[in-house]
Amino acid sequence: MRRKDKQINDLSTIEEIISTAAVCRLGLCQNSQPYIVPLCFGYKDGALYFHSARKGKKLDMLRKNNNVCFEIDVEHELVKAEEACDYGMKYRSVIGFGKAVIIDKTELKREALDTIMTNYSTGPFEYSEQVIERTLIIKVEIEAMTAKKSGY
């Protein structure tokens, strides 16, 4: 990271940013073509979890290349200034890389869905067999991540 004064190194602070975010942007790549999709997510034990339909573009891409990146940001606010080029943003963000795996085992899907739902609500959570059957889980095992703050 070029601006070391903006870097966040404390893992608990990084995990707090992740746990307060509502959206995670997942970056995929196929044939040198990048693709980013904003998703609801959960985080637990160094991994991100996303729910998915059983078919679709992101799954097609992941099956060919499971290397992913992700971006999460919170507390973003425009910082106005006198001069146009002095405008900025106040934010905290996390960017990371990992390997995606597709989870299709029923009990693991339930646990992952609980992790996702915990990011947005309090449990306990119930899922119908139809929902479990039609859902896949994408688990991203995080290999590296960095965090940054600006305007603080």
C-alpha atoms as a PDB file:
ATOM      1  CA  MET A   1       0.000   0.000   0.000  1.00  0.00           C
ATOM      2  CA  ARG A   2       1.434   3.312  -1.075  1.00  0.00           C
ATOM      3  CA  ARG A   3      -0.051   5.434   1.739  1.00  0.00           C
ATOM      4  CA  LYS A   4       1.043   3.670   4.916  1.00  0.00           C
ATOM      5  CA  ASP A   5      -0.632   6.398   6.993  1.00  0.00           C
ATOM      6  CA  LYS A   6      -4.022   5.150   5.728  1.00  0.00           C
ATOM      7  CA  GLN A   7      -3.325   1.443   6.220  1.00  0.00           C
ATOM      8  CA  ILE A   8      -5.232  -0.527   8.864  1.00  0.00           C
ATOM      9  CA  ASN A   9      -3.205  -3.423  10.259  1.00  0.00           C
ATOM     10  CA  ASP A  10      -5.246  -4.521  13.258  1.00  0.00           C
ATOM     11  CA  LEU A  11      -7.186  -7.714  12.399  1.00  0.00           C
ATOM     12  CA  SER A  12     -10.007  -6.932  14.831  1.00  0.00           C
ATOM     13  CA  THR A  13     -10.533  -3.548  13.136  1.00  0.00           C
ATOM     14  CA  ILE A  14     -10.514  -5.209   9.715  1.00  0.00           C
ATOM     15  CA  GLU A  15     -13.060  -7.772  10.884  1.00  0.00           C
ATOM     16  CA  GLU A  16     -15.203  -4.972  12.363  1.00  0.00           C
ATOM     17  CA  ILE A  17     -15.289  -3.295   8.932  1.00  0.00           C
ATOM     18  CA  ILE A  18     -16.321  -6.599   7.349  1.00  0.00           C
ATOM     19  CA  SER A  19     -18.990  -7.281   9.961  1.00  0.00           C
ATOM     20  CA  THR A  20     -20.636  -3.860   9.585  1.00  0.00           C
ATOM     21  CA  ALA A  21     -20.805  -3.870   5.776  1.00  0.00           C
ATOM     22  CA  ALA A  22     -24.016  -4.655   3.916  1.00  0.00           C
ATOM     23  CA  VAL A  23     -22.456  -5.489   0.532  1.00  0.00           C
ATOM     24  CA  CYS A  24     -19.360  -7.307  -0.655  1.00  0.00           C
ATOM     25  CA  ARG A  25     -18.229  -6.853  -4.232  1.00  0.00           C
ATOM     26  CA  LEU A  26     -16.828 -10.102  -5.609  1.00  0.00           C
ATOM     27  CA  GLY A  27     -14.395  -9.865  -8.515  1.00  0.00           C
ATOM     28  CA  LEU A  28     -14.051 -12.733 -10.972  1.00  0.00           C
ATOM     29  CA  CYS A  29     -12.174 -13.137 -14.245  1.00  0.00           C
ATOM     30  CA  GLN A  30     -12.696 -15.202 -17.375  1.00  0.00           C
ATOM     31  CA  ASN A  31     -10.521 -15.013 -20.485  1.00  0.00           C
ATOM     32  CA  SER A  32      -8.923 -11.760 -19.259  1.00  0.00           C
ATOM     33  CA  GLN A  33     -12.385 -10.197 -18.860  1.00  0.00           C
ATOM     34  CA  PRO A  34     -13.079  -8.925 -15.321  1.00  0.00           C
ATOM     35  CA  TYR A  35     -16.533  -9.182 -13.775  1.00  0.00           C
ATOM     36  CA  ILE A  36     -17.662  -7.664 -10.473  1.00  0.00           C
ATOM     37  CA  VAL A  37     -20.892  -8.522  -8.704  1.00  0.00           C
ATOM     38  CA  PRO A  38     -22.259  -6.933  -5.490  1.00  0.00           C
ATOM     39  CA  LEU A  39     -23.550  -9.590  -3.097  1.00  0.00           C
ATOM     40  CA  CYS A  40     -25.054 -10.126   0.330  1.00  0.00           C
ATOM     41  CA  PHE A  41     -22.500 -12.036   2.396  1.00  0.00           C
ATOM     42  CA  GLY A  42     -21.383 -13.445   5.694  1.00  0.00           C
ATOM     43  CA  TYR A  43     -17.944 -13.702   7.283  1.00  0.00           C
ATOM     44  CA  LYS A  44     -16.681 -16.333   9.692  1.00  0.00           C
ATOM     45  CA  ASP A  45     -13.288 -17.811  10.573  1.00  0.00           C
ATOM     46  CA  GLY A  46     -11.374 -16.100   7.771  1.00  0.00           C
ATOM     47  CA  ALA A  47     -13.860 -16.951   5.022  1.00  0.00           C
ATOM     48  CA  LEU A  48     -16.610 -15.134   3.153  1.00  0.00           C
ATOM     49  CA  TYR A  49     -19.892 -16.843   2.279  1.00  0.00           C
ATOM     50  CA  PHE A  50     -22.321 -15.978  -0.508  1.00  0.00           C
ATOM     51  CA  HIS A  51     -25.577 -17.648  -1.525  1.00  0.00           C
ATOM     52  CA  SER A  52     -26.307 -18.329  -5.162  1.00  0.00           C
ATOM     53  CA  ALA A  53     -28.764 -19.924  -7.505  1.00  0.00           C
ATOM     54  CA  ARG A  54     -27.574 -23.221  -8.959  1.00  0.00           C
ATOM     55  CA  LYS A  55     -26.860 -21.673 -12.384  1.00  0.00           C
ATOM     56  CA  GLY A  56     -25.551 -18.372 -13.610  1.00  0.00           C
ATOM     57  CA  LYS A  57     -22.652 -16.355 -14.947  1.00  0.00           C
ATOM     58  CA  LYS A  58     -20.671 -16.155 -11.701  1.00  0.00           C
ATOM     59  CA  LEU A  59     -20.832 -19.931 -11.207  1.00  0.00           C
ATOM     60  CA  ASP A  60     -19.785 -20.541 -14.810  1.00  0.00           C
ATOM     61  CA  MET A  61     -16.825 -18.238 -14.260  1.00  0.00           C
ATOM     62  CA  LEU A  62     -15.864 -19.733 -10.882  1.00  0.00           C
ATOM     63  CA  ARG A  63     -15.872 -23.250 -12.289  1.00  0.00           C
ATOM     64  CA  LYS A  64     -13.250 -22.150 -14.832  1.00  0.00           C
ATOM     65  CA  ASN A  65     -11.203 -19.942 -12.518  1.00  0.00           C
ATOM     66  CA  ASN A  66     -11.727 -19.934  -8.765  1.00  0.00           C
ATOM     67  CA  ASN A  67      -9.276 -17.104  -8.050  1.00  0.00           C
ATOM     68  CA  VAL A  68     -11.271 -14.138  -6.780  1.00  0.00           C
ATOM     69  CA  CYS A  69     -10.851 -10.750  -5.219  1.00  0.00           C
ATOM     70  CA  PHE A  70     -13.297  -8.867  -3.047  1.00  0.00           C
ATOM     71  CA  GLU A  71     -13.939  -5.332  -1.863  1.00  0.00           C
ATOM     72  CA  ILE A  72     -15.933  -4.143   1.124  1.00  0.00           C
ATOM     73  CA  ASP A  73     -16.387  -0.525   2.187  1.00  0.00           C
ATOM     74  CA  VAL A  74     -18.246   1.264   4.948  1.00  0.00           C
ATOM     75  CA  GLU A  75     -18.857   4.772   6.247  1.00  0.00           C
ATOM     76  CA  HIS A  76     -18.349   6.423   2.864  1.00  0.00           C
ATOM     77  CA  GLU A  77     -18.984  10.134   2.744  1.00  0.00           C
ATOM     78  CA  LEU A  78     -18.082  12.860   0.259  1.00  0.00           C
ATOM     79  CA  VAL A  79     -15.598  15.400   1.645  1.00  0.00           C
ATOM     80  CA  LYS A  80     -16.112  18.733  -0.127  1.00  0.00           C
ATOM     81  CA  ALA A  81     -13.385  21.322  -0.604  1.00  0.00           C
ATOM     82  CA  GLU A  82     -12.831  24.779  -2.104  1.00  0.00           C
ATOM     83  CA  GLU A  83     -10.980  23.398  -5.136  1.00  0.00           C
ATOM     84  CA  ALA A  84     -12.411  20.656  -7.348  1.00  0.00           C
ATOM     85  CA  CYS A  85      -9.315  18.466  -7.170  1.00  0.00           C
ATOM     86  CA  ASP A  86      -9.249  18.719  -3.366  1.00  0.00           C
ATOM     87  CA  TYR A  87     -12.537  16.818  -2.975  1.00  0.00           C
ATOM     88  CA  GLY A  88     -12.151  13.410  -1.415  1.00  0.00           C
ATOM     89  CA  MET A  89     -13.946  10.547   0.268  1.00  0.00           C
ATOM     90  CA  LYS A  90     -14.131   9.483   3.870  1.00  0.00           C
ATOM     91  CA  TYR A  91     -14.301   5.674   4.144  1.00  0.00           C
ATOM     92  CA  ARG A  92     -12.909   2.471   5.556  1.00  0.00           C
ATOM     93  CA  SER A  93     -12.374  -0.435   3.179  1.00  0.00           C
ATOM     94  CA  VAL A  94     -11.032  -3.961   2.853  1.00  0.00           C
ATOM     95  CA  ILE A  95      -9.667  -5.538  -0.311  1.00  0.00           C
ATOM     96  CA  GLY A  96      -8.657  -9.166  -0.428  1.00  0.00           C
ATOM     97  CA  PHE A  97      -7.914 -12.235  -2.495  1.00  0.00           C
ATOM     98  CA  GLY A  98      -8.796 -15.861  -2.162  1.00  0.00           C
ATOM     99  CA  LYS A  99     -10.003 -19.097  -3.674  1.00  0.00           C
ATOM    100  CA  ALA A 100     -13.698 -19.796  -4.132  1.00  0.00           C
ATOM    101  CA  VAL A 101     -15.203 -23.210  -3.549  1.00  0.00           C
ATOM    102  CA  ILE A 102     -18.790 -24.248  -4.184  1.00  0.00           C
ATOM    103  CA  ILE A 103     -20.600 -25.874  -1.282  1.00  0.00           C
ATOM    104  CA  ASP A 104     -23.549 -28.126  -2.052  1.00  0.00           C
ATOM    105  CA  LYS A 105     -23.820 -30.302   1.078  1.00  0.00           C
ATOM    106  CA  THR A 106     -27.058 -29.637   2.951  1.00  0.00           C
ATOM    107  CA  GLU A 107     -25.706 -29.190   6.470  1.00  0.00           C
ATOM    108  CA  LEU A 108     -22.822 -26.980   5.319  1.00  0.00           C
ATOM    109  CA  LYS A 109     -25.290 -24.864   3.327  1.00  0.00           C
ATOM    110  CA  ARG A 110     -27.432 -24.368   6.440  1.00  0.00           C
ATOM    111  CA  GLU A 111     -24.399 -23.265   8.468  1.00  0.00           C
ATOM    112  CA  ALA A 112     -23.292 -20.884   5.707  1.00  0.00           C
ATOM    113  CA  LEU A 113     -26.793 -19.426   5.354  1.00  0.00           C
ATOM    114  CA  ASP A 114     -26.806 -18.815   9.117  1.00  0.00           C
ATOM    115  CA  THR A 115     -23.484 -16.983   8.754  1.00  0.00           C
ATOM    116  CA  ILE A 116     -24.888 -14.829   5.959  1.00  0.00           C
ATOM    117  CA  MET A 117     -28.137 -14.106   7.794  1.00  0.00           C
ATOM    118  CA  THR A 118     -26.262 -13.184  10.990  1.00  0.00           C
ATOM    119  CA  ASN A 119     -24.722 -10.291   9.054  1.00  0.00           C
ATOM    120  CA  TYR A 120     -28.198  -8.801   8.598  1.00  0.00           C
ATOM    121  CA  SER A 121     -30.422 -10.085  11.405  1.00  0.00           C
ATOM    122  CA  THR A 122     -30.567 -12.142  14.570  1.00  0.00           C
ATOM    123  CA  GLY A 123     -31.500 -15.838  14.586  1.00  0.00           C
ATOM    124  CA  PRO A 124     -32.465 -18.496  14.906  1.00  0.00           C
ATOM    125  CA  PHE A 125     -33.116 -19.009  11.197  1.00  0.00           C
ATOM    126  CA  GLU A 126     -35.249 -21.624   9.460  1.00  0.00           C
ATOM    127  CA  TYR A 127     -34.919 -22.680   5.815  1.00  0.00           C
ATOM    128  CA  SER A 128     -37.352 -24.790   3.861  1.00  0.00           C
ATOM    129  CA  GLU A 129     -36.053 -27.880   2.108  1.00  0.00           C
ATOM    130  CA  GLN A 130     -36.926 -26.225  -1.239  1.00  0.00           C
ATOM    131  CA  VAL A 131     -34.706 -23.229  -0.435  1.00  0.00           C
ATOM    132  CA  ILE A 132     -31.832 -25.453   0.651  1.00  0.00           C
ATOM    133  CA  GLU A 133     -32.195 -27.605  -2.467  1.00  0.00           C
ATOM    134  CA  ARG A 134     -32.148 -24.689  -4.928  1.00  0.00           C
ATOM    135  CA  THR A 135     -29.296 -22.832  -3.205  1.00  0.00           C
ATOM    136  CA  LEU A 136     -25.552 -23.184  -3.595  1.00  0.00           C
ATOM    137  CA  ILE A 137     -23.020 -21.542  -1.331  1.00  0.00           C
ATOM    138  CA  ILE A 138     -19.834 -19.917  -2.535  1.00  0.00           C
ATOM    139  CA  LYS A 139     -17.151 -19.953   0.140  1.00  0.00           C
ATOM    140  CA  VAL A 140     -14.120 -17.744  -0.369  1.00  0.00           C
ATOM    141  CA  GLU A 141     -11.165 -18.860   1.679  1.00  0.00           C
ATOM    142  CA  ILE A 142      -9.308 -15.590   2.195  1.00  0.00           C
ATOM    143  CA  GLU A 143      -5.606 -15.798   1.384  1.00  0.00           C
ATOM    144  CA  ALA A 144      -4.698 -12.127   1.853  1.00  0.00           C
ATOM    145  CA  MET A 145      -6.414  -8.843   2.615  1.00  0.00           C
ATOM    146  CA  THR A 146      -5.530  -5.254   3.293  1.00  0.00           C
ATOM    147  CA  ALA A 147      -7.561  -2.470   4.835  1.00  0.00           C
ATOM    148  CA  LYS A 148      -7.487   1.284   4.463  1.00  0.00           C
ATOM    149  CA  LYS A 149      -9.085   4.356   5.998  1.00  0.00           C
ATOM    150  CA  SER A 150      -9.376   7.848   4.623  1.00  0.00           C
ATOM    151  CA  GLY A 151     -10.736  10.960   6.259  1.00  0.00           C
ATOM    152  CA  TYR A 152     -10.265   9.708   9.831  1.00  0.00           C
END
